[in-house]
Amino acid sequence: MPKIPEFLPRSLYIKRSLENIDVGFEFQIKNELGPVRVTSAQALRLDRKPVPLDKYQFILGDTIAAFDEVSAENSVPMRKGESLTVLVQGASPLRGRHTLGIGRMTAWD
């Protein structure tokens, strides 16, 4: 199974997509690579602190998948050019400038 290099998720982040919402915050990633199925993801880091996997989800159209439930058997398919939302629940509203670290994702086509 190929691994997506660590620098690629950062380059897939849609700039200025980080927003506060009622239940936490969200941001978007756009797939510019080609058709893939996300089969795992490492924890996000907000201001260099890890966010537990059970606090966030992928949202892609009608598909909602918790990061800690994504696996080869429960993957998130993405076509090239598609965007997905990453929803982080239970986080305090973000104000000012922040650092968002997106860990390595594993995918296959």
N, C-alpha and C. Protein backbone atom coordinates (compact mmCIF):
# COMPACT_ATOMS: atom_id res chain seq x y z
N MET A 1 0.83 -1.17 0.00
CA MET A 1 0.00 0.00 0.00
C MET A 1 0.89 1.25 0.00
N PRO A 2 0.75 2.15 -0.97
CA PRO A 2 1.60 3.33 -0.98
C PRO A 2 1.24 4.30 0.14
N LYS A 3 2.25 4.97 0.65
CA LYS A 3 2.02 5.99 1.66
C LYS A 3 2.13 7.35 1.00
N ILE A 4 1.27 8.26 1.41
CA ILE A 4 1.33 9.63 0.91
C ILE A 4 2.43 10.32 1.69
N PRO A 5 3.46 10.88 1.01
CA PRO A 5 4.55 11.54 1.73
C PRO A 5 4.01 12.64 2.64
N GLU A 6 4.71 12.85 3.76
CA GLU A 6 4.24 13.78 4.78
C GLU A 6 4.00 15.19 4.25
N PHE A 7 4.80 15.65 3.27
CA PHE A 7 4.64 17.02 2.77
C PHE A 7 3.38 17.17 1.91
N LEU A 8 2.87 16.09 1.31
CA LEU A 8 1.73 16.22 0.41
C LEU A 8 0.44 16.63 1.10
N PRO A 9 0.06 16.05 2.25
CA PRO A 9 -1.18 16.53 2.88
C PRO A 9 -1.14 18.03 3.16
N ARG A 10 0.03 18.55 3.54
CA ARG A 10 0.13 19.99 3.77
C ARG A 10 -0.13 20.76 2.49
N SER A 11 0.35 20.24 1.36
CA SER A 11 0.14 20.96 0.10
C SER A 11 -1.29 20.80 -0.41
N LEU A 12 -2.03 19.81 0.10
CA LEU A 12 -3.41 19.59 -0.31
C LEU A 12 -4.39 20.44 0.50
N TYR A 13 -3.93 21.00 1.61
CA TYR A 13 -4.77 21.87 2.45
C TYR A 13 -5.22 23.07 1.64
N ILE A 14 -6.52 23.37 1.68
CA ILE A 14 -7.06 24.55 0.98
C ILE A 14 -6.86 25.75 1.88
N LYS A 15 -5.99 26.65 1.45
CA LYS A 15 -5.66 27.82 2.25
C LYS A 15 -6.90 28.61 2.61
N ARG A 16 -6.90 29.10 3.84
CA ARG A 16 -7.98 29.91 4.41
C ARG A 16 -9.30 29.12 4.58
N SER A 17 -9.22 27.79 4.57
CA SER A 17 -10.44 27.01 4.76
C SER A 17 -10.70 26.69 6.24
N LEU A 18 -9.76 27.00 7.12
CA LEU A 18 -9.92 26.74 8.54
C LEU A 18 -10.98 27.69 9.11
N GLU A 19 -12.06 27.11 9.67
CA GLU A 19 -13.17 27.93 10.19
C GLU A 19 -13.66 27.38 11.52
N ASN A 20 -14.09 28.29 12.39
CA ASN A 20 -14.78 27.89 13.61
C ASN A 20 -16.22 27.53 13.26
N ILE A 21 -16.74 26.50 13.91
CA ILE A 21 -18.15 26.12 13.77
C ILE A 21 -18.68 25.85 15.18
N ASP A 22 -19.98 25.60 15.29
CA ASP A 22 -20.60 25.41 16.61
C ASP A 22 -19.94 24.32 17.45
N VAL A 23 -19.53 23.23 16.83
CA VAL A 23 -19.00 22.09 17.59
C VAL A 23 -17.48 22.02 17.64
N GLY A 24 -16.77 22.97 17.06
CA GLY A 24 -15.31 22.96 17.03
C GLY A 24 -14.78 23.79 15.88
N PHE A 25 -14.03 23.14 14.97
CA PHE A 25 -13.55 23.83 13.78
C PHE A 25 -13.43 22.82 12.65
N GLU A 26 -13.27 23.34 11.43
CA GLU A 26 -13.13 22.48 10.27
C GLU A 26 -12.20 23.13 9.26
N PHE A 27 -11.69 22.30 8.35
CA PHE A 27 -10.88 22.79 7.23
C PHE A 27 -11.06 21.82 6.08
N GLN A 28 -10.56 22.20 4.91
CA GLN A 28 -10.74 21.35 3.73
C GLN A 28 -9.41 20.97 3.10
N ILE A 29 -9.43 19.78 2.49
CA ILE A 29 -8.30 19.25 1.73
C ILE A 29 -8.82 18.91 0.34
N LYS A 30 -8.05 19.26 -0.68
CA LYS A 30 -8.43 18.94 -2.06
C LYS A 30 -7.47 17.91 -2.63
N ASN A 31 -8.02 16.86 -3.20
CA ASN A 31 -7.23 15.79 -3.79
C ASN A 31 -6.78 16.20 -5.19
N GLU A 32 -5.50 16.45 -5.34
CA GLU A 32 -4.93 16.80 -6.65
C GLU A 32 -4.09 15.65 -7.21
N LEU A 33 -4.12 14.49 -6.53
CA LEU A 33 -3.23 13.39 -6.90
C LEU A 33 -3.81 12.43 -7.93
N GLY A 34 -5.08 12.15 -7.85
CA GLY A 34 -5.72 11.12 -8.66
C GLY A 34 -6.65 10.33 -7.76
N PRO A 35 -7.37 9.35 -8.30
CA PRO A 35 -8.29 8.60 -7.47
C PRO A 35 -7.56 7.81 -6.38
N VAL A 36 -8.01 7.94 -5.15
CA VAL A 36 -7.40 7.24 -4.01
C VAL A 36 -8.49 6.81 -3.03
N ARG A 37 -8.11 5.92 -2.13
CA ARG A 37 -8.94 5.55 -0.98
C ARG A 37 -8.08 5.78 0.25
N VAL A 38 -8.50 6.67 1.12
CA VAL A 38 -7.75 6.92 2.36
C VAL A 38 -8.05 5.76 3.30
N THR A 39 -7.00 5.09 3.74
CA THR A 39 -7.17 3.90 4.58
C THR A 39 -6.66 4.10 6.00
N SER A 40 -5.94 5.18 6.27
CA SER A 40 -5.53 5.50 7.64
C SER A 40 -5.02 6.93 7.67
N ALA A 41 -4.97 7.48 8.86
CA ALA A 41 -4.45 8.84 9.04
C ALA A 41 -3.86 8.94 10.44
N GLN A 42 -2.82 9.73 10.56
CA GLN A 42 -2.23 9.97 11.87
C GLN A 42 -2.89 11.20 12.48
N ALA A 43 -2.66 11.38 13.75
CA ALA A 43 -3.27 12.50 14.48
C ALA A 43 -2.86 13.84 13.90
N LEU A 44 -3.81 14.75 13.90
CA LEU A 44 -3.53 16.14 13.57
C LEU A 44 -2.81 16.78 14.75
N ARG A 45 -2.12 17.86 14.47
CA ARG A 45 -1.48 18.63 15.53
C ARG A 45 -1.94 20.07 15.38
N LEU A 46 -2.48 20.61 16.45
CA LEU A 46 -2.90 22.00 16.48
C LEU A 46 -1.96 22.74 17.41
N ASP A 47 -1.26 23.71 16.88
CA ASP A 47 -0.25 24.43 17.65
C ASP A 47 0.71 23.46 18.33
N ARG A 48 1.12 22.44 17.57
CA ARG A 48 2.10 21.41 17.96
C ARG A 48 1.59 20.44 19.01
N LYS A 49 0.30 20.49 19.35
CA LYS A 49 -0.28 19.55 20.30
C LYS A 49 -1.17 18.57 19.54
N PRO A 50 -1.02 17.26 19.78
CA PRO A 50 -1.84 16.29 19.05
C PRO A 50 -3.32 16.41 19.41
N VAL A 51 -4.16 16.22 18.41
CA VAL A 51 -5.61 16.16 18.60
C VAL A 51 -5.98 14.68 18.54
N PRO A 52 -6.62 14.14 19.58
CA PRO A 52 -6.96 12.70 19.57
C PRO A 52 -7.78 12.32 18.34
N LEU A 53 -7.48 11.13 17.78
CA LEU A 53 -8.16 10.66 16.57
C LEU A 53 -9.67 10.62 16.71
N ASP A 54 -10.18 10.35 17.91
CA ASP A 54 -11.63 10.24 18.07
C ASP A 54 -12.34 11.60 18.06
N LYS A 55 -11.60 12.68 17.92
CA LYS A 55 -12.19 14.02 17.91
C LYS A 55 -12.48 14.54 16.51
N TYR A 56 -12.04 13.85 15.47
CA TYR A 56 -12.27 14.39 14.14
C TYR A 56 -12.74 13.36 13.14
N GLN A 57 -13.34 13.91 12.05
CA GLN A 57 -13.97 13.09 11.02
C GLN A 57 -13.64 13.64 9.64
N PHE A 58 -13.68 12.73 8.66
CA PHE A 58 -13.68 13.11 7.25
C PHE A 58 -15.14 13.30 6.84
N ILE A 59 -15.45 14.33 6.09
CA ILE A 59 -16.78 14.49 5.50
C ILE A 59 -16.58 14.69 4.02
N LEU A 60 -17.13 13.78 3.23
CA LEU A 60 -16.99 13.82 1.77
C LEU A 60 -18.35 13.50 1.18
N GLY A 61 -19.06 14.53 0.73
CA GLY A 61 -20.42 14.32 0.22
C GLY A 61 -21.29 13.77 1.33
N ASP A 62 -21.90 12.61 1.10
CA ASP A 62 -22.75 11.96 2.09
C ASP A 62 -21.98 11.04 3.03
N THR A 63 -20.68 10.88 2.79
CA THR A 63 -19.86 9.98 3.60
C THR A 63 -19.25 10.73 4.78
N ILE A 64 -19.46 10.19 5.97
CA ILE A 64 -18.83 10.72 7.18
C ILE A 64 -18.08 9.56 7.82
N ALA A 65 -16.79 9.74 8.06
CA ALA A 65 -15.98 8.68 8.65
C ALA A 65 -15.09 9.26 9.74
N ALA A 66 -15.16 8.67 10.92
CA ALA A 66 -14.27 9.08 12.01
C ALA A 66 -12.86 8.62 11.68
N PHE A 67 -11.86 9.45 11.96
CA PHE A 67 -10.47 9.11 11.66
C PHE A 67 -10.08 7.79 12.31
N ASP A 68 -10.52 7.56 13.56
CA ASP A 68 -10.12 6.34 14.25
C ASP A 68 -10.83 5.10 13.74
N GLU A 69 -11.80 5.25 12.83
CA GLU A 69 -12.51 4.11 12.24
C GLU A 69 -12.09 3.84 10.80
N VAL A 70 -11.25 4.71 10.22
CA VAL A 70 -10.82 4.52 8.84
C VAL A 70 -9.80 3.39 8.77
N SER A 71 -10.02 2.47 7.84
CA SER A 71 -9.13 1.32 7.68
C SER A 71 -9.23 0.84 6.23
N ALA A 72 -8.49 -0.18 5.89
CA ALA A 72 -8.58 -0.75 4.55
C ALA A 72 -10.00 -1.24 4.27
N GLU A 73 -10.68 -1.75 5.29
CA GLU A 73 -12.05 -2.23 5.12
C GLU A 73 -13.07 -1.10 5.15
N ASN A 74 -12.74 0.02 5.77
CA ASN A 74 -13.64 1.17 5.91
C ASN A 74 -12.91 2.42 5.41
N SER A 75 -12.57 2.43 4.12
CA SER A 75 -11.77 3.51 3.54
C SER A 75 -12.66 4.66 3.05
N VAL A 76 -12.02 5.79 2.78
CA VAL A 76 -12.72 6.97 2.26
C VAL A 76 -12.25 7.18 0.82
N PRO A 77 -13.11 6.87 -0.18
CA PRO A 77 -12.70 7.06 -1.58
C PRO A 77 -12.78 8.53 -1.99
N MET A 78 -11.79 8.96 -2.76
CA MET A 78 -11.75 10.33 -3.28
C MET A 78 -11.33 10.32 -4.73
N ARG A 79 -12.07 11.04 -5.56
CA ARG A 79 -11.68 11.23 -6.95
C ARG A 79 -10.74 12.43 -7.04
N LYS A 80 -9.96 12.47 -8.10
CA LYS A 80 -9.09 13.62 -8.33
C LYS A 80 -9.96 14.87 -8.46
N GLY A 81 -9.55 15.94 -7.81
CA GLY A 81 -10.28 17.20 -7.84
C GLY A 81 -11.33 17.34 -6.76
N GLU A 82 -11.62 16.25 -6.04
CA GLU A 82 -12.61 16.31 -4.96
C GLU A 82 -12.01 16.91 -3.71
N SER A 83 -12.86 17.61 -2.96
CA SER A 83 -12.44 18.17 -1.68
C SER A 83 -13.17 17.45 -0.56
N LEU A 84 -12.48 17.25 0.56
CA LEU A 84 -13.15 16.72 1.74
C LEU A 84 -12.97 17.69 2.88
N THR A 85 -13.90 17.65 3.80
CA THR A 85 -13.84 18.48 5.01
C THR A 85 -13.34 17.63 6.15
N VAL A 86 -12.45 18.19 6.94
CA VAL A 86 -12.02 17.56 8.18
C VAL A 86 -12.67 18.36 9.31
N LEU A 87 -13.54 17.69 10.07
CA LEU A 87 -14.27 18.31 11.17
C LEU A 87 -13.62 17.89 12.48
N VAL A 88 -13.25 18.86 13.31
CA VAL A 88 -12.65 18.59 14.62
C VAL A 88 -13.66 19.04 15.67
N GLN A 89 -14.21 18.07 16.40
CA GLN A 89 -15.25 18.36 17.39
C GLN A 89 -14.66 18.57 18.77
N GLY A 90 -15.33 19.39 19.57
CA GLY A 90 -14.95 19.57 20.96
C GLY A 90 -13.75 20.47 21.17
N ALA A 91 -13.32 21.15 20.12
CA ALA A 91 -12.18 22.06 20.26
C ALA A 91 -12.69 23.47 20.55
N SER A 92 -11.90 24.23 21.25
CA SER A 92 -12.25 25.62 21.51
C SER A 92 -12.20 26.41 20.22
N PRO A 93 -13.00 27.48 20.11
CA PRO A 93 -12.92 28.32 18.91
C PRO A 93 -11.50 28.84 18.72
N LEU A 94 -11.07 28.86 17.48
CA LEU A 94 -9.73 29.33 17.15
C LEU A 94 -9.77 30.83 16.89
N ARG A 95 -8.85 31.53 17.48
CA ARG A 95 -8.73 32.96 17.24
C ARG A 95 -7.27 33.25 16.89
N GLY A 96 -7.05 34.20 16.03
CA GLY A 96 -5.69 34.54 15.66
C GLY A 96 -5.07 33.49 14.73
N ARG A 97 -3.76 33.48 14.72
CA ARG A 97 -3.01 32.60 13.84
C ARG A 97 -2.67 31.30 14.56
N HIS A 98 -2.78 30.17 13.83
CA HIS A 98 -2.50 28.86 14.40
C HIS A 98 -1.68 28.03 13.44
N THR A 99 -1.03 27.01 13.98
CA THR A 99 -0.30 26.04 13.17
C THR A 99 -1.10 24.75 13.17
N LEU A 100 -1.39 24.25 11.97
CA LEU A 100 -2.12 23.00 11.82
C LEU A 100 -1.19 21.99 11.17
N GLY A 101 -0.91 20.90 11.87
CA GLY A 101 -0.06 19.85 11.34
C GLY A 101 -0.91 18.70 10.88
N ILE A 102 -0.75 18.30 9.63
CA ILE A 102 -1.49 17.19 9.07
C ILE A 102 -0.53 16.03 8.93
N GLY A 103 -0.80 14.96 9.65
CA GLY A 103 0.10 13.79 9.64
C GLY A 103 -0.01 13.00 8.36
N ARG A 104 0.79 11.96 8.28
CA ARG A 104 0.83 11.10 7.11
C ARG A 104 -0.48 10.33 6.97
N MET A 105 -0.94 10.21 5.72
CA MET A 105 -2.12 9.40 5.42
C MET A 105 -1.67 8.24 4.55
N THR A 106 -2.33 7.12 4.69
CA THR A 106 -2.06 5.98 3.83
C THR A 106 -3.23 5.81 2.89
N ALA A 107 -2.92 5.57 1.61
CA ALA A 107 -3.98 5.48 0.60
C ALA A 107 -3.61 4.45 -0.45
N TRP A 108 -4.61 3.99 -1.16
CA TRP A 108 -4.42 3.12 -2.31
C TRP A 108 -5.44 3.49 -3.35
N ASP A 109 -5.16 3.13 -4.59
CA ASP A 109 -6.11 3.44 -5.68
C ASP A 109 -6.73 2.18 -6.23
